[in-house]
N, C-alpha and C. Protein backbone atom coordinates (compact mmCIF):
# COMPACT_ATOMS: atom_id res chain seq x y z
N MET A 1 -6.61 -30.14 -4.71
CA MET A 1 -6.20 -29.00 -5.21
C MET A 1 -6.10 -28.49 -3.78
N SER A 2 -4.67 -27.80 -3.16
CA SER A 2 -4.93 -27.40 -1.76
C SER A 2 -5.91 -26.04 -1.99
N PRO A 3 -6.24 -25.47 -0.74
CA PRO A 3 -6.80 -24.33 -0.54
C PRO A 3 -5.67 -23.01 -1.16
N GLU A 4 -4.70 -23.44 -1.02
CA GLU A 4 -3.26 -22.68 -1.51
C GLU A 4 -3.59 -22.15 -3.48
N ASN A 5 -3.51 -23.18 -3.68
CA ASN A 5 -3.26 -23.04 -5.08
C ASN A 5 -4.83 -22.96 -5.44
N ALA A 6 -5.59 -23.54 -5.39
CA ALA A 6 -6.62 -23.16 -5.63
C ALA A 6 -7.26 -21.38 -5.96
N ILE A 7 -6.71 -20.42 -5.04
CA ILE A 7 -6.58 -19.39 -4.56
C ILE A 7 -5.50 -18.65 -5.65
N PHE A 8 -4.71 -19.65 -5.98
CA PHE A 8 -3.84 -19.18 -7.35
C PHE A 8 -4.26 -18.75 -8.33
N GLN A 9 -4.74 -20.33 -8.61
CA GLN A 9 -5.56 -20.62 -10.26
C GLN A 9 -6.50 -19.81 -10.01
N GLN A 10 -7.40 -19.93 -9.30
CA GLN A 10 -8.34 -18.75 -9.66
C GLN A 10 -8.13 -17.17 -9.37
N VAL A 11 -7.02 -16.62 -9.23
CA VAL A 11 -6.76 -15.35 -9.49
C VAL A 11 -6.20 -15.03 -10.86
N LEU A 12 -5.79 -16.06 -11.17
CA LEU A 12 -5.24 -16.13 -12.68
C LEU A 12 -6.22 -16.55 -13.63
N ALA A 13 -6.90 -16.61 -13.07
CA ALA A 13 -8.11 -17.11 -14.50
C ALA A 13 -8.76 -16.10 -14.56
N THR A 14 -8.95 -15.32 -13.27
CA THR A 14 -9.86 -14.09 -13.28
C THR A 14 -9.58 -12.74 -13.83
N LEU A 15 -8.23 -12.51 -14.05
CA LEU A 15 -7.79 -11.65 -14.48
C LEU A 15 -7.43 -11.74 -15.74
N ASP A 16 -7.17 -13.34 -16.45
CA ASP A 16 -7.39 -13.93 -17.41
C ASP A 16 -8.98 -13.33 -17.99
N LYS A 17 -10.11 -13.50 -17.06
CA LYS A 17 -11.33 -13.18 -18.33
C LYS A 17 -11.73 -11.80 -17.77
N TYR A 18 -10.97 -10.98 -17.10
CA TYR A 18 -11.63 -9.34 -16.53
C TYR A 18 -10.36 -8.92 -17.05
N PRO A 19 -10.18 -8.30 -17.86
CA PRO A 19 -8.89 -7.76 -18.57
C PRO A 19 -8.77 -6.22 -17.30
N GLU A 20 -10.50 -6.06 -17.63
CA GLU A 20 -10.54 -4.39 -16.78
C GLU A 20 -10.07 -4.46 -15.20
N LEU A 21 -9.70 -5.37 -14.67
CA LEU A 21 -9.13 -5.27 -13.19
C LEU A 21 -7.81 -5.04 -13.81
N VAL A 22 -7.80 -4.64 -14.37
CA VAL A 22 -5.85 -3.82 -14.14
C VAL A 22 -5.67 -2.76 -14.68
N ARG A 23 -5.24 -1.84 -14.25
CA ARG A 23 -5.69 -0.01 -14.20
C ARG A 23 -4.36 0.29 -14.53
N GLN A 24 -4.17 0.87 -15.17
CA GLN A 24 -2.93 2.12 -15.72
C GLN A 24 -2.83 3.07 -14.99
N ILE A 25 -1.22 3.07 -14.24
CA ILE A 25 -1.30 4.56 -13.63
C ILE A 25 -0.04 5.66 -14.29
N SER A 26 -1.12 6.29 -14.69
CA SER A 26 0.40 7.31 -15.71
C SER A 26 1.23 7.70 -15.77
N ALA A 27 2.05 8.00 -16.64
CA ALA A 27 2.99 8.53 -16.20
C ALA A 27 3.31 9.50 -15.06
N GLY A 28 4.31 9.61 -14.49
CA GLY A 28 4.40 11.05 -13.70
C GLY A 28 3.96 11.33 -12.94
N THR A 29 2.51 10.65 -12.25
CA THR A 29 1.79 10.35 -11.06
C THR A 29 2.50 10.77 -9.92
N LEU A 30 1.79 11.60 -9.66
CA LEU A 30 2.85 11.88 -7.64
C LEU A 30 2.23 10.35 -7.01
N LEU A 31 3.45 9.91 -6.46
CA LEU A 31 3.49 9.47 -5.07
C LEU A 31 4.02 9.79 -3.74
N HIS A 32 3.65 9.14 -2.94
CA HIS A 32 4.51 9.28 -2.10
C HIS A 32 4.95 8.34 -0.42
N ARG A 33 5.17 8.42 0.59
CA ARG A 33 6.48 7.17 1.78
C ARG A 33 6.88 8.15 2.24
N ILE A 34 6.19 7.31 3.34
CA ILE A 34 7.19 7.59 4.93
C ILE A 34 7.94 6.50 5.01
N GLN A 35 8.92 7.05 5.56
CA GLN A 35 10.01 6.54 6.08
C GLN A 35 10.81 6.87 6.92
N PRO A 36 11.85 6.18 8.01
CA PRO A 36 12.48 7.02 8.75
C PRO A 36 13.29 7.80 8.30
N SER A 37 13.88 9.05 8.83
CA SER A 37 14.52 10.02 8.00
C SER A 37 16.28 9.13 8.26
N ARG A 38 16.53 8.69 8.56
CA ARG A 38 17.58 7.98 8.61
C ARG A 38 18.24 7.06 7.02
N TYR A 39 17.08 6.70 6.33
CA TYR A 39 17.16 6.19 5.41
C TYR A 39 17.15 6.90 3.50
N ASP A 40 17.23 8.55 4.03
CA ASP A 40 16.63 9.47 3.49
C ASP A 40 17.58 9.14 1.83
N ALA A 41 18.49 8.86 1.66
CA ALA A 41 19.23 8.44 0.78
C ALA A 41 19.08 7.12 0.22
N ASN A 42 18.31 6.59 0.63
CA ASN A 42 17.60 4.82 0.32
C ASN A 42 16.07 5.07 -0.04
N PRO A 43 15.76 6.28 -0.60
CA PRO A 43 14.12 5.78 -0.75
C PRO A 43 13.29 4.68 -1.60
N VAL A 44 13.96 4.50 -2.30
CA VAL A 44 13.42 3.30 -3.53
C VAL A 44 13.52 1.69 -2.54
N ASN A 45 13.08 1.05 -1.48
CA ASN A 45 13.75 -0.02 -1.32
C ASN A 45 13.06 -0.65 -1.14
N TYR A 46 12.98 -2.36 -1.61
CA TYR A 46 11.67 -3.14 -1.80
C TYR A 46 12.30 -4.64 -1.03
N ARG A 47 11.67 -4.31 0.06
CA ARG A 47 11.89 -5.22 0.99
C ARG A 47 10.74 -6.91 0.35
N ALA A 48 11.62 -7.81 0.21
CA ALA A 48 11.39 -9.62 0.40
C ALA A 48 10.73 -9.97 1.67
N ASP A 49 11.33 -9.15 2.81
CA ASP A 49 11.51 -10.11 4.22
C ASP A 49 10.48 -9.69 5.59
N ALA A 50 10.03 -8.25 4.79
CA ALA A 50 8.09 -8.36 5.83
C ALA A 50 7.39 -8.97 5.74
N ASP A 51 6.35 -9.07 6.89
CA ASP A 51 5.70 -9.74 6.87
C ASP A 51 4.51 -8.53 6.42
N THR A 52 4.29 -8.29 5.75
CA THR A 52 3.10 -7.35 5.38
C THR A 52 2.38 -7.78 4.63
N ARG A 53 0.99 -6.93 4.89
CA ARG A 53 -0.24 -7.09 3.91
C ARG A 53 0.06 -7.82 2.65
N TYR A 54 1.11 -7.15 1.74
CA TYR A 54 0.69 -7.90 0.27
C TYR A 54 2.04 -8.49 -0.14
N ALA A 55 2.85 -8.66 1.38
CA ALA A 55 3.66 -9.57 0.90
C ALA A 55 3.78 -10.93 0.26
N ASP A 56 5.25 -11.16 -0.71
CA ASP A 56 5.32 -12.47 -1.48
C ASP A 56 5.66 -12.93 0.14
N PRO A 57 4.62 -14.55 0.84
CA PRO A 57 5.12 -15.28 1.42
C PRO A 57 6.24 -15.84 1.24
N ALA A 58 6.39 -16.42 -0.02
CA ALA A 58 7.97 -17.07 -0.51
C ALA A 58 8.97 -16.13 0.21
N ARG A 59 8.94 -15.45 0.49
CA ARG A 59 9.81 -13.88 0.62
C ARG A 59 11.02 -14.22 -0.44
N GLN A 60 10.66 -14.00 -1.72
CA GLN A 60 11.58 -14.10 -2.41
C GLN A 60 11.43 -12.96 -4.05
N ILE A 61 10.28 -12.06 -3.81
CA ILE A 61 9.90 -11.40 -4.42
C ILE A 61 9.54 -9.37 -3.61
N GLY A 62 10.77 -8.74 -3.70
CA GLY A 62 10.29 -7.74 -2.30
C GLY A 62 9.02 -7.43 -3.06
N VAL A 63 8.62 -5.67 -2.08
CA VAL A 63 7.36 -4.81 -2.80
C VAL A 63 7.30 -3.69 -1.82
N TYR A 64 7.33 -2.89 -2.50
CA TYR A 64 7.24 -1.02 -2.31
C TYR A 64 6.58 -0.61 -1.85
N TYR A 65 5.91 -0.27 -0.54
CA TYR A 65 4.47 0.95 -0.60
C TYR A 65 4.52 2.36 -0.75
N LEU A 66 3.64 2.70 -1.85
CA LEU A 66 3.56 3.99 -1.38
C LEU A 66 1.71 4.47 -1.21
N GLY A 67 1.65 5.95 -1.19
CA GLY A 67 0.36 6.36 -1.31
C GLY A 67 0.00 6.94 -2.50
N LEU A 68 -1.03 7.01 -2.62
CA LEU A 68 -1.20 8.21 -3.50
C LEU A 68 -1.71 9.81 -3.71
N SER A 69 -1.61 10.00 -2.43
CA SER A 69 -1.73 10.65 -2.00
C SER A 69 -0.92 10.89 -0.51
N GLU A 70 -0.46 12.05 -0.15
CA GLU A 70 0.35 12.98 1.09
C GLU A 70 -0.52 12.43 2.35
N GLU A 71 -1.66 12.57 2.49
CA GLU A 71 -2.44 12.27 3.71
C GLU A 71 -2.36 10.53 3.94
N VAL A 72 -2.46 10.04 2.49
CA VAL A 72 -2.77 8.82 2.84
C VAL A 72 -1.58 7.88 3.46
N ALA A 73 -0.74 8.58 2.94
CA ALA A 73 0.58 8.22 3.12
C ALA A 73 1.33 8.04 4.52
N VAL A 74 0.55 9.30 5.43
CA VAL A 74 0.19 10.05 6.25
C VAL A 74 -0.32 9.29 6.97
N ALA A 75 -1.56 8.58 7.07
CA ALA A 75 -2.66 7.95 7.80
C ALA A 75 -2.12 6.74 7.84
N GLU A 76 -2.04 6.08 6.90
CA GLU A 76 -1.21 4.28 7.21
C GLU A 76 -0.39 4.35 7.90
N SER A 77 0.92 5.67 7.85
CA SER A 77 1.95 5.06 8.41
C SER A 77 1.65 5.70 9.80
N PHE A 78 0.92 6.37 10.44
CA PHE A 78 1.33 6.59 11.58
C PHE A 78 -0.20 6.62 12.47
N GLN A 79 -0.83 5.33 12.37
CA GLN A 79 -2.14 4.68 13.09
C GLN A 79 -1.83 3.37 13.35
N SER A 80 -1.11 3.25 14.63
CA SER A 80 -0.94 2.21 15.46
C SER A 80 -1.77 1.27 15.19
N GLY A 81 -1.22 0.10 14.86
CA GLY A 81 -2.26 -1.06 14.82
C GLY A 81 -3.59 -1.10 13.85
N GLN A 82 -2.96 0.60 12.81
CA GLN A 82 -3.96 -0.08 11.14
C GLN A 82 -5.22 -0.74 11.81
N GLY A 83 -6.04 0.88 12.45
CA GLY A 83 -7.08 1.06 12.46
C GLY A 83 -8.07 0.68 13.81
N VAL A 84 -7.03 0.05 14.39
CA VAL A 84 -7.24 -1.03 15.73
C VAL A 84 -7.67 0.64 16.82
N ASP A 85 -8.64 0.56 17.46
CA ASP A 85 -8.81 2.10 17.93
C ASP A 85 -8.30 1.56 19.69
N ASP A 86 -8.24 3.19 20.18
CA ASP A 86 -7.67 3.17 21.27
C ASP A 86 -6.35 3.16 21.46
N GLN A 87 -5.64 3.38 20.18
CA GLN A 87 -3.97 3.19 20.54
C GLN A 87 -3.32 4.55 19.99
N THR A 88 -2.85 4.77 20.95
CA THR A 88 -1.89 6.27 20.59
C THR A 88 -0.46 5.87 19.71
N VAL A 89 0.14 6.76 18.92
CA VAL A 89 0.90 7.46 18.71
C VAL A 89 2.32 8.38 18.83
N ARG A 90 3.60 8.00 19.20
CA ARG A 90 4.24 8.43 19.47
C ARG A 90 5.14 9.82 18.56
N LEU A 91 4.85 10.53 18.87
CA LEU A 91 5.42 11.96 18.30
C LEU A 91 6.86 12.09 17.92
N SER A 92 6.98 11.46 18.68
CA SER A 92 8.27 10.95 18.79
C SER A 92 8.95 9.93 16.97
N TYR A 93 8.08 9.12 16.57
CA TYR A 93 8.21 8.72 15.37
C TYR A 93 7.91 9.51 14.28
N LEU A 94 6.85 10.60 14.65
CA LEU A 94 6.98 12.07 13.81
C LEU A 94 8.50 12.51 13.38
N GLU A 95 8.88 12.76 14.20
CA GLU A 95 10.26 13.51 14.61
C GLU A 95 11.36 12.85 13.88
N LEU A 96 11.39 11.22 13.60
CA LEU A 96 12.10 10.85 13.08
C LEU A 96 12.05 10.24 11.72
N ALA A 97 10.98 10.78 11.23
CA ALA A 97 10.34 9.97 9.64
C ALA A 97 10.14 11.43 9.09
N SER A 98 10.76 10.95 7.72
CA SER A 98 10.48 11.75 6.47
C SER A 98 9.50 11.82 5.16
N ILE A 99 8.57 12.27 4.79
CA ILE A 99 7.99 12.15 3.66
C ILE A 99 8.73 11.98 2.01
N HIS A 100 8.77 11.33 1.34
CA HIS A 100 9.36 11.28 0.32
C HIS A 100 8.12 11.65 -1.03
N HIS A 101 8.34 12.34 -1.76
CA HIS A 101 7.79 12.21 -2.49
C HIS A 101 8.49 11.36 -4.06
N LEU A 102 7.99 10.79 -5.16
CA LEU A 102 8.57 10.17 -6.24
C LEU A 102 7.11 10.33 -7.21
N LYS A 103 7.11 9.88 -8.62
CA LYS A 103 6.51 9.82 -9.74
C LYS A 103 6.37 8.58 -10.46
N ALA A 104 5.19 8.69 -10.76
CA ALA A 104 5.91 6.78 -11.52
C ALA A 104 6.57 7.54 -12.94
N ALA A 105 7.38 6.69 -13.54
CA ALA A 105 8.70 6.10 -14.53
C ALA A 105 8.20 5.88 -15.86
N ARG A 106 6.94 5.56 -15.08
CA ARG A 106 6.73 5.62 -16.84
C ARG A 106 4.77 4.78 -16.35
N VAL A 107 4.23 4.02 -17.59
CA VAL A 107 2.78 4.11 -16.75
C VAL A 107 3.00 2.29 -16.44
N LEU A 108 2.53 2.09 -15.10
CA LEU A 108 2.17 1.38 -14.07
C LEU A 108 0.81 0.23 -14.38
N SER A 109 1.25 -1.28 -14.47
CA SER A 109 -0.06 -1.49 -14.48
C SER A 109 -0.09 -2.60 -13.31
N VAL A 110 -1.20 -1.82 -12.87
CA VAL A 110 -1.57 -2.84 -11.15
C VAL A 110 -2.92 -3.06 -11.64
N VAL A 111 -2.96 -4.29 -10.57
CA VAL A 111 -4.44 -4.86 -9.95
C VAL A 111 -5.09 -4.56 -9.29
N ASP A 112 -6.09 -3.74 -9.60
CA ASP A 112 -7.80 -3.07 -8.38
C ASP A 112 -8.12 -4.75 -7.75
N VAL A 113 -7.24 -4.46 -6.21
CA VAL A 113 -7.38 -5.87 -5.50
C VAL A 113 -8.45 -6.13 -5.04
N ALA A 114 -9.19 -4.82 -4.92
CA ALA A 114 -10.24 -5.64 -4.05
C ALA A 114 -11.53 -6.12 -4.96
N ALA A 115 -11.10 -5.19 -5.76
CA ALA A 115 -12.58 -5.90 -6.87
C ALA A 115 -11.65 -7.72 -7.23
N LEU A 116 -10.70 -7.52 -7.56
CA LEU A 116 -10.27 -8.91 -8.24
C LEU A 116 -10.72 -9.77 -6.81
N ALA A 117 -10.50 -9.72 -5.57
CA ALA A 117 -11.11 -10.53 -3.87
C ALA A 117 -12.02 -10.38 -4.68
N ASN A 118 -12.86 -9.97 -4.82
CA ASN A 118 -14.68 -10.26 -4.77
C ASN A 118 -15.00 -11.20 -5.62
N ARG A 119 -14.21 -11.55 -7.16
CA ARG A 119 -14.42 -11.99 -8.06
C ARG A 119 -13.91 -13.13 -8.09
N ALA A 120 -12.71 -13.39 -7.84
CA ALA A 120 -11.54 -14.62 -7.39
C ALA A 120 -12.08 -15.52 -6.21
N THR A 121 -12.20 -14.37 -5.08
CA THR A 121 -11.94 -15.18 -4.09
C THR A 121 -13.82 -14.99 -3.49
N HIS A 122 -14.53 -14.26 -3.64
CA HIS A 122 -15.44 -13.81 -3.33
C HIS A 122 -15.82 -13.18 -1.62
N HIS A 123 -14.46 -12.91 -1.43
CA HIS A 123 -14.73 -12.01 -0.23
C HIS A 123 -14.32 -10.73 -0.20
N LYS A 124 -15.14 -9.58 0.51
CA LYS A 124 -15.09 -7.90 0.45
C LYS A 124 -13.98 -7.88 1.41
N LEU A 125 -14.49 -6.28 0.82
CA LEU A 125 -13.32 -5.60 0.98
C LEU A 125 -13.09 -5.18 2.52
N ARG A 126 -14.13 -5.66 3.68
CA ARG A 126 -13.66 -5.42 4.99
C ARG A 126 -13.38 -7.14 5.33
N ASP A 127 -12.59 -8.23 4.54
CA ASP A 127 -11.99 -9.09 4.85
C ASP A 127 -10.38 -8.79 4.27
N LEU A 128 -10.28 -7.40 3.54
CA LEU A 128 -8.47 -7.08 2.58
C LEU A 128 -8.16 -6.69 3.69
N VAL A 129 -9.08 -5.46 4.70
CA VAL A 129 -8.06 -4.32 5.12
C VAL A 129 -8.18 -4.40 6.50
N GLN A 130 -8.66 -5.31 7.00
CA GLN A 130 -8.34 -6.16 8.25
C GLN A 130 -6.98 -6.63 8.92
N ALA A 131 -6.48 -5.19 10.19
CA ALA A 131 -5.35 -5.95 10.77
C ALA A 131 -5.37 -7.28 10.95
N LYS A 132 -3.69 -7.21 10.97
CA LYS A 132 -3.01 -8.60 10.75
C LYS A 132 -3.03 -8.95 12.08
N GLY A 133 -3.57 -10.11 12.53
CA GLY A 133 -4.24 -10.94 13.53
C GLY A 133 -5.74 -10.91 13.85
N GLN A 134 -6.21 -9.77 13.11
CA GLN A 134 -7.92 -9.93 13.58
C GLN A 134 -8.42 -11.68 12.40
N GLY A 135 -9.35 -11.49 12.10
CA GLY A 135 -9.57 -13.15 11.84
C GLY A 135 -8.89 -14.14 11.95
N ARG A 136 -9.41 -15.07 11.06
CA ARG A 136 -8.58 -16.30 11.70
C ARG A 136 -7.44 -16.20 11.17
N GLU A 137 -7.33 -15.93 9.71
CA GLU A 137 -5.73 -15.87 9.07
C GLU A 137 -5.16 -14.62 8.51
N GLY A 138 -4.99 -13.30 9.41
CA GLY A 138 -4.74 -12.69 9.44
C GLY A 138 -4.26 -11.79 7.97
N TYR A 139 -3.16 -12.09 7.68
CA TYR A 139 -3.10 -11.15 6.37
C TYR A 139 -2.94 -12.98 4.86
N ALA A 140 -2.96 -13.81 5.59
CA ALA A 140 -2.75 -14.91 4.71
C ALA A 140 -3.43 -14.56 3.26
N LEU A 141 -5.23 -13.99 3.24
CA LEU A 141 -5.52 -14.36 1.91
C LEU A 141 -4.83 -13.41 0.85
N THR A 142 -4.23 -12.10 1.80
CA THR A 142 -4.25 -11.15 0.75
C THR A 142 -1.96 -10.94 0.23
N GLN A 143 -1.62 -11.95 0.84
CA GLN A 143 -0.67 -12.52 0.59
C GLN A 143 -0.46 -13.51 -0.64
N LYS A 144 -1.76 -14.17 -0.11
CA LYS A 144 -2.23 -15.69 -0.86
C LYS A 144 -2.28 -14.65 -2.58
N ILE A 145 -3.00 -13.60 -2.85
CA ILE A 145 -3.21 -12.50 -3.62
C ILE A 145 -2.44 -12.18 -3.87
N SER A 146 -1.83 -11.45 -3.48
CA SER A 146 -0.42 -10.85 -4.17
C SER A 146 0.69 -11.81 -4.50
N GLN A 147 0.99 -12.93 -4.49
CA GLN A 147 1.76 -13.96 -4.70
C GLN A 147 1.10 -14.71 -5.88
N ALA A 148 0.27 -14.66 -6.58
CA ALA A 148 -0.55 -15.42 -7.31
C ALA A 148 -0.75 -13.47 -8.53
N CYS A 149 -0.20 -12.78 -8.25
CA CYS A 149 -0.02 -11.37 -8.99
C CYS A 149 1.16 -11.59 -9.34
N MET A 150 2.36 -11.39 -8.47
CA MET A 150 3.76 -11.45 -8.96
C MET A 150 3.88 -12.50 -10.07
N GLN A 151 2.97 -13.25 -9.93
CA GLN A 151 4.08 -14.26 -11.47
C GLN A 151 3.48 -14.01 -12.46
N LEU A 152 2.91 -12.51 -12.91
CA LEU A 152 2.60 -11.78 -14.26
C LEU A 152 3.69 -10.57 -14.46
N SER A 153 4.81 -11.34 -15.02
CA SER A 153 5.45 -10.07 -15.44
C SER A 153 4.92 -8.83 -16.13
N GLU A 154 3.56 -8.49 -16.53
CA GLU A 154 3.54 -7.14 -16.56
C GLU A 154 2.89 -6.97 -15.79
N ILE A 155 2.21 -7.40 -14.38
CA ILE A 155 1.75 -6.30 -13.29
C ILE A 155 2.72 -6.27 -12.92
N ASP A 156 2.73 -4.57 -12.34
CA ASP A 156 3.71 -4.20 -11.67
C ASP A 156 3.58 -4.21 -10.07
N GLY A 157 2.36 -4.54 -10.03
CA GLY A 157 1.83 -4.27 -8.71
C GLY A 157 0.11 -4.96 -8.36
N LEU A 158 -0.39 -4.19 -6.95
CA LEU A 158 -0.97 -3.43 -6.71
C LEU A 158 -1.83 -2.28 -6.03
N LEU A 159 -3.04 -2.17 -6.33
CA LEU A 159 -3.88 -0.87 -6.19
C LEU A 159 -4.96 -1.28 -5.27
N TYR A 160 -5.13 -0.77 -3.90
CA TYR A 160 -6.48 -0.87 -2.69
C TYR A 160 -5.99 0.15 -1.95
N PRO A 161 -7.20 -0.20 -1.57
CA PRO A 161 -7.95 1.25 -0.58
C PRO A 161 -7.32 1.07 0.94
N SER A 162 -7.22 2.32 1.68
CA SER A 162 -6.62 2.14 2.43
C SER A 162 -7.38 1.64 3.60
N ALA A 163 -7.05 1.36 4.77
CA ALA A 163 -7.68 1.30 5.58
C ALA A 163 -8.01 1.98 6.84
N VAL A 164 -7.15 3.09 6.51
CA VAL A 164 -7.77 3.46 7.75
C VAL A 164 -8.28 5.34 6.97
N TYR A 165 -7.39 6.07 5.74
CA TYR A 165 -8.58 7.29 5.53
C TYR A 165 -9.10 6.70 4.33
N THR A 166 -10.83 6.20 3.70
CA THR A 166 -10.48 5.91 2.65
C THR A 166 -11.73 7.82 2.26
N VAL A 167 -11.16 7.39 1.28
CA VAL A 167 -11.47 9.07 -0.02
C VAL A 167 -12.93 8.02 -0.53
N SER A 168 -13.81 8.76 -0.98
CA SER A 168 -14.85 7.38 -1.69
C SER A 168 -14.90 8.30 -3.51
N GLY A 169 -14.63 7.19 -4.12
CA GLY A 169 -14.46 7.49 -5.41
C GLY A 169 -13.46 8.18 -5.74
N SER A 170 -12.38 8.45 -5.32
CA SER A 170 -11.44 8.81 -5.69
C SER A 170 -10.24 8.27 -5.39
N ILE A 171 -9.44 8.31 -6.44
CA ILE A 171 -7.71 7.16 -6.28
C ILE A 171 -7.04 8.00 -4.94
N GLU A 172 -7.02 9.35 -4.07
CA GLU A 172 -5.88 9.52 -3.19
C GLU A 172 -6.79 8.97 -2.28
N GLY A 173 -7.17 8.21 -1.66
CA GLY A 173 -7.40 7.47 -0.59
C GLY A 173 -6.88 6.18 -0.99
N CYS A 174 -6.05 5.65 -1.45
CA CYS A 174 -5.67 3.96 -2.08
C CYS A 174 -3.89 4.35 -2.06
N ASN A 175 -3.72 3.27 -2.22
CA ASN A 175 -2.23 2.91 -1.56
C ASN A 175 -1.60 2.11 -3.19
N LEU A 176 -0.48 1.81 -3.49
CA LEU A 176 0.23 0.87 -4.42
C LEU A 176 1.00 0.20 -3.42
N VAL A 177 1.23 -1.44 -3.84
CA VAL A 177 2.67 -2.05 -3.43
C VAL A 177 3.17 -2.50 -4.99
N LEU A 178 4.25 -2.65 -5.23
CA LEU A 178 4.75 -2.45 -6.15
C LEU A 178 6.07 -3.72 -6.00
N PHE A 179 5.76 -4.45 -7.37
CA PHE A 179 6.49 -5.75 -7.13
C PHE A 179 7.92 -5.49 -7.71
N GLN A 180 9.20 -6.30 -7.14
CA GLN A 180 10.28 -5.92 -7.84
C GLN A 180 10.27 -6.81 -8.59
N GLY A 181 11.42 -6.68 -9.60
CA GLY A 181 11.91 -7.55 -10.51
C GLY A 181 11.27 -6.90 -11.93
N ARG A 182 10.79 -5.72 -12.14
CA ARG A 182 9.89 -4.80 -13.23
C ARG A 182 10.82 -4.15 -13.49
N ALA A 183 10.84 -3.70 -14.87
CA ALA A 183 11.14 -2.13 -15.43
C ALA A 183 11.15 -1.06 -14.60
N LEU A 184 11.85 0.11 -14.33
CA LEU A 184 12.25 1.08 -13.48
C LEU A 184 10.64 1.70 -12.60
N GLN A 185 10.46 1.66 -11.82
CA GLN A 185 8.82 2.01 -11.17
C GLN A 185 9.05 3.39 -11.61
N VAL A 186 9.53 3.91 -10.30
CA VAL A 186 9.67 5.21 -10.11
C VAL A 186 10.77 5.98 -9.54
N GLU A 187 10.43 7.34 -9.74
CA GLU A 187 12.00 8.32 -9.39
C GLU A 187 11.29 8.92 -8.40
N ALA A 188 12.29 9.54 -7.04
CA ALA A 188 11.99 10.07 -6.47
C ALA A 188 12.59 11.40 -7.16
N THR A 189 12.35 12.43 -6.06
CA THR A 189 11.84 13.49 -6.69
C THR A 189 12.43 14.79 -5.17
N SER A 190 12.12 14.10 -4.39
CA SER A 190 12.46 14.95 -3.09
C SER A 190 11.68 14.40 -2.10
N HIS A 191 12.42 15.43 -0.94
CA HIS A 191 11.80 15.16 1.00
C HIS A 191 11.66 15.51 1.87
N GLN A 192 11.08 15.53 2.61
CA GLN A 192 11.07 16.25 3.68
C GLN A 192 10.89 15.69 5.17
N ARG A 193 11.47 16.71 6.37
CA ARG A 193 10.66 15.96 7.37
C ARG A 193 9.57 16.41 7.57
N VAL A 194 8.74 14.83 8.28
CA VAL A 194 7.50 14.58 8.19
C VAL A 194 6.74 16.15 9.70
N MET A 195 7.21 16.27 10.13
CA MET A 195 6.97 17.55 11.16
C MET A 195 7.33 18.76 10.61
N GLU A 196 8.27 18.92 9.34
CA GLU A 196 8.14 20.08 9.03
C GLU A 196 7.04 20.38 7.68
N ALA A 197 6.61 19.48 6.69
CA ALA A 197 6.21 19.54 5.63
C ALA A 197 4.59 20.09 6.19
N LEU A 198 3.81 20.37 5.28
CA LEU A 198 2.79 21.08 5.04
C LEU A 198 1.67 19.91 4.14
N LEU A 199 0.99 19.47 3.93
CA LEU A 199 0.32 18.71 3.27
C LEU A 199 -0.64 19.76 2.30
N SER A 200 -1.36 18.51 0.89
CA SER A 200 -2.16 19.03 0.09
C SER A 200 -2.98 20.30 0.85
N ASN A 201 -3.42 19.71 1.46
CA ASN A 201 -4.83 20.62 2.35
C ASN A 201 -4.28 21.71 3.45
N GLY A 202 -2.89 21.91 3.12
CA GLY A 202 -2.02 22.90 4.13
C GLY A 202 -2.29 22.22 5.39
N GLU A 203 -2.87 21.25 6.16
CA GLU A 203 -2.80 20.93 7.39
C GLU A 203 -0.83 20.41 7.63
N THR A 204 -0.94 20.73 8.76
CA THR A 204 0.54 19.86 9.12
C THR A 204 0.23 18.41 9.53
N ALA A 205 1.36 17.13 9.52
CA ALA A 205 0.92 15.97 9.61
C ALA A 205 0.14 15.92 11.44
N VAL A 206 0.77 16.65 12.03
CA VAL A 206 0.33 16.47 13.11
C VAL A 206 -1.28 16.90 13.17
N GLU A 207 -1.30 17.90 12.57
CA GLU A 207 -2.96 18.60 12.58
C GLU A 207 -4.20 17.55 11.78
N PHE A 208 -3.89 17.26 10.78
CA PHE A 208 -4.15 15.93 10.11
C PHE A 208 -4.19 14.41 10.75
N LEU A 209 -3.92 14.34 11.57
CA LEU A 209 -3.81 13.00 12.76
C LEU A 209 -4.57 13.28 13.09
N GLU A 210 -4.79 15.03 14.10
CA GLU A 210 -5.68 14.77 15.15
C GLU A 210 -7.16 14.68 14.50
N SER A 211 -7.21 15.62 13.27
CA SER A 211 -8.32 15.82 12.72
C SER A 211 -8.88 14.31 12.32
N LEU A 212 -8.43 13.25 12.70
CA LEU A 212 -8.98 12.03 11.89
C LEU A 212 -9.45 11.28 13.48
N GLY A 213 -9.09 12.05 14.33
CA GLY A 213 -9.56 11.31 16.10
C GLY A 213 -7.85 10.55 16.38
N VAL A 214 -6.48 10.69 15.66
CA VAL A 214 -5.86 9.36 16.14
C VAL A 214 -5.06 10.35 17.36
N ALA A 215 -4.98 9.83 18.44
CA ALA A 215 -3.93 9.97 20.09
C ALA A 215 -2.83 10.19 19.57
N LEU A 216 -2.13 11.26 20.26
CA LEU A 216 -1.39 11.29 19.44
C LEU A 216 -0.40 12.18 21.03
N GLU A 217 0.86 11.41 21.37
CA GLU A 217 1.50 11.70 22.62
C GLU A 217 3.04 11.48 23.03
């Protein structure tokens, strides 16, 4: 059996053995997304062609990324290199972006991907949150895990901790990636320009990023 097929089978067997690895996101849960303002009219867009951390390596099923807090959405979107030190972020990126607020349209069943990887592949969290290009395989492992979960129609997506803004013991430091082809998952409620927004802690996006040590120019 090839390594790819082995991981695929391990993931499915582990989910069958440990159903507690599937968590429920309540209907109405607030979700957040940063995207270029030119796409404000289309806030829900599943992409199958992107080479992202949890994308389908076969490029058949689209994925859609969301933050479970405004802060994690901002931190994930504006840290160049996703945790690589000494890279600056241009203020122009913030000026051309909007923060979209959405809510879960129904109960969403999502896999706790860090716990799944521990049990199915014996990989640790650090192996999942590394930046693309770090390590030998980059996103290969996470994409294989995602692809296996995509085959289960009752699974809406994955829950995973932010690589750049961790809140211990709180879902507010987590992201969701949702899979295309399921019943309606999210509904858009509002949006505003990133530079005009105040986050839930009262900070602007610039103040928040500076507090994380992000260099802005």
